[in-house]
Amino acid sequence: MGADQRRAARQERSTPLVAELEAWMRDHRASLSRHAPVAQAMDYMLRRWEGFTRFLDDGRVCLTNNAAERALRGIALGRKAWLFAGSDRGAERAAVMYSLIGTARLNDIDPQAWLADVLARIADTPQNRLSELLPWNWRAACHPGSLAA
């Protein structure tokens, strides 16, 4: 299902429910003390209502954060291993590499192929063209077999 189809389905099914939820929250919020934890949660949600409802107009927006949580799972599982980076500088290097590899994955690029190519080309790349080796720019210069499956 494409983004346009998802948007149309959300408009049809979710828009009435979201409008009903907003009306209910605003109605019930008025009867709560401002110090009540539920009131604070409602205020938080209502202040961010535009961001919450963005999924109705953009079919590319995921309804859950499952993909982000799955992406962070490896970091959470390796948390104890990261304590042994050797030094603050080593930990910073590891964080940079982890970010670049994650960015390659987000751009549908095989991190191993990208990193091997970048390491082979970086010494001969002028400093003003280093941005061409970043994952989101690298795709145009890569070979067809280098994209992630």
Protein backbone atom coordinates (compact mmCIF):
# COMPACT_ATOMS: atom_id res chain seq x y z
CA MET A 1 0.00 0.00 0.00
CA GLY A 2 1.44 3.36 -1.06
CA ALA A 3 1.59 6.57 0.97
CA ASP A 4 -1.40 8.04 -0.89
CA GLN A 5 -3.51 4.96 -0.20
CA ARG A 6 -2.53 5.01 3.47
CA ARG A 7 -3.40 8.71 3.69
CA ALA A 8 -6.81 8.11 2.11
CA ALA A 9 -7.53 5.21 4.47
CA ARG A 10 -6.48 7.27 7.47
CA GLN A 11 -8.62 10.19 6.35
CA GLU A 12 -11.62 7.90 6.05
CA ARG A 13 -11.17 5.81 9.20
CA SER A 14 -9.07 7.83 11.61
CA THR A 15 -10.08 11.45 11.11
CA PRO A 16 -13.50 11.03 12.77
CA LEU A 17 -11.95 9.15 15.70
CA VAL A 18 -9.21 11.75 16.17
CA ALA A 19 -11.76 14.59 16.08
CA GLU A 20 -13.88 12.77 18.65
CA LEU A 21 -10.81 12.22 20.87
CA GLU A 22 -9.87 15.90 20.73
CA ALA A 23 -13.40 16.99 21.60
CA TRP A 24 -13.55 14.51 24.49
CA MET A 25 -10.14 15.63 25.83
CA ARG A 26 -11.02 19.33 25.69
CA ASP A 27 -14.40 18.70 27.31
CA HIS A 28 -13.03 16.59 30.17
CA ARG A 29 -9.89 18.68 30.64
CA ALA A 30 -12.04 21.65 31.68
CA SER A 31 -13.36 19.72 34.68
CA LEU A 32 -9.91 18.71 36.03
CA SER A 33 -7.59 20.55 38.37
CA ARG A 34 -4.52 21.84 36.56
CA HIS A 35 -2.33 19.95 39.05
CA ALA A 36 -3.91 16.56 38.37
CA PRO A 37 -1.47 14.21 36.60
CA VAL A 38 -4.13 13.33 34.01
CA ALA A 39 -4.69 17.04 33.30
CA GLN A 40 -0.97 17.56 32.80
CA ALA A 41 -0.89 14.64 30.35
CA MET A 42 -3.88 16.04 28.49
CA ASP A 43 -2.30 19.50 28.33
CA TYR A 44 0.89 17.94 26.94
CA MET A 45 -1.07 16.11 24.25
CA LEU A 46 -3.25 19.08 23.33
CA ARG A 47 -0.22 21.39 22.99
CA ARG A 48 1.23 18.92 20.48
CA TRP A 49 -2.02 18.14 18.69
CA GLU A 50 -0.80 19.31 15.28
CA GLY A 51 2.19 16.97 15.44
CA PHE A 52 0.03 14.10 16.67
CA THR A 53 -2.44 14.48 13.80
CA ARG A 54 0.22 14.81 11.09
CA PHE A 55 -0.22 11.10 10.30
CA LEU A 56 -3.69 11.90 8.94
CA ASP A 57 -2.31 14.03 6.10
CA ASP A 58 0.96 12.22 5.38
CA GLY A 59 0.82 8.50 4.61
CA ARG A 60 4.59 8.22 5.12
CA VAL A 61 4.29 8.90 8.85
CA CYS A 62 4.27 5.67 10.85
CA LEU A 63 1.51 5.22 13.39
CA THR A 64 3.91 3.60 15.87
CA ASN A 65 7.54 4.03 16.87
CA ASN A 66 8.25 0.28 16.52
CA ALA A 67 10.84 0.79 13.75
CA ALA A 68 12.76 3.31 15.86
CA GLU A 69 12.64 1.04 18.90
CA ARG A 70 13.89 -1.92 16.85
CA ALA A 71 16.73 0.24 15.52
CA LEU A 72 17.75 1.18 19.07
CA ARG A 73 17.49 -2.36 20.43
CA GLY A 74 21.08 -3.20 19.47
CA ILE A 75 22.33 -0.17 21.36
CA ALA A 76 20.35 -1.12 24.44
CA LEU A 77 21.58 -4.72 24.30
CA GLY A 78 25.19 -3.64 23.85
CA ARG A 79 25.07 -1.00 26.57
CA LYS A 80 27.48 -2.84 28.88
CA ALA A 81 29.91 -3.45 26.03
CA TRP A 82 29.98 0.28 25.27
CA LEU A 83 31.28 0.93 28.78
CA PHE A 84 34.59 -0.57 27.70
CA ALA A 85 35.37 1.80 24.82
CA GLY A 86 38.74 2.45 26.46
CA SER A 87 38.41 6.21 26.86
CA ASP A 88 36.09 9.11 26.27
CA ARG A 89 37.72 9.66 22.90
CA GLY A 90 37.27 5.98 21.99
CA ALA A 91 33.61 6.18 22.96
CA GLU A 92 33.17 9.28 20.80
CA ARG A 93 34.73 7.45 17.83
CA ALA A 94 32.47 4.46 18.40
CA ALA A 95 29.42 6.75 18.54
CA VAL A 96 30.41 8.43 15.26
CA MET A 97 30.92 5.10 13.53
CA TYR A 98 27.68 3.70 14.89
CA SER A 99 25.84 6.80 13.66
CA LEU A 100 27.36 6.55 10.18
CA ILE A 101 26.53 2.84 9.91
CA GLY A 102 22.99 3.49 11.11
CA THR A 103 22.65 6.30 8.58
CA ALA A 104 23.81 3.98 5.80
CA ARG A 105 21.11 1.50 6.80
CA LEU A 106 18.47 4.23 6.86
CA ASN A 107 19.49 5.10 3.30
CA ASP A 108 19.09 1.45 2.18
CA ILE A 109 22.82 0.98 1.75
CA ASP A 110 24.78 -2.06 2.87
CA PRO A 111 27.01 -0.56 5.60
CA GLN A 112 29.85 -2.98 4.93
CA ALA A 113 29.94 -2.19 1.18
CA TRP A 114 29.67 1.55 1.88
CA LEU A 115 32.39 1.53 4.52
CA ALA A 116 34.76 -0.57 2.38
CA ASP A 117 34.29 1.79 -0.57
CA VAL A 118 34.69 4.92 1.54
CA LEU A 119 37.86 3.62 3.20
CA ALA A 120 39.28 2.78 -0.24
CA ARG A 121 38.45 6.22 -1.70
CA ILE A 122 38.79 8.65 1.20
CA ALA A 123 42.55 9.24 0.92
CA ASP A 124 42.21 10.28 -2.75
CA THR A 125 39.11 12.45 -2.22
CA PRO A 126 39.72 16.19 -1.93
CA GLN A 127 38.51 17.67 1.33
CA ASN A 128 35.90 19.83 -0.40
CA ARG A 129 34.33 16.65 -1.89
CA LEU A 130 34.24 14.47 1.24
CA SER A 131 30.49 15.02 1.53
CA GLU A 132 30.11 12.84 -1.60
CA LEU A 133 31.13 9.86 0.52
CA LEU A 134 28.34 10.33 3.07
CA PRO A 135 25.66 7.63 2.83
CA TRP A 136 22.90 9.86 1.44
CA ASN A 137 25.22 11.14 -1.33
CA TRP A 138 27.15 7.91 -1.91
CA ARG A 139 24.24 6.04 -3.47
CA ALA A 140 24.60 7.92 -6.77
CA ALA A 141 28.25 6.89 -7.09
CA CYS A 142 27.94 3.30 -5.89
CA HIS A 143 27.71 0.13 -7.92
CA PRO A 144 24.29 -1.61 -8.30
CA GLY A 145 25.37 -4.58 -6.19
CA SER A 146 26.20 -2.32 -3.23
CA LEU A 147 22.65 -1.50 -2.21
CA ALA A 148 21.20 -3.36 0.73
CA ALA A 149 18.81 -6.18 -0.06
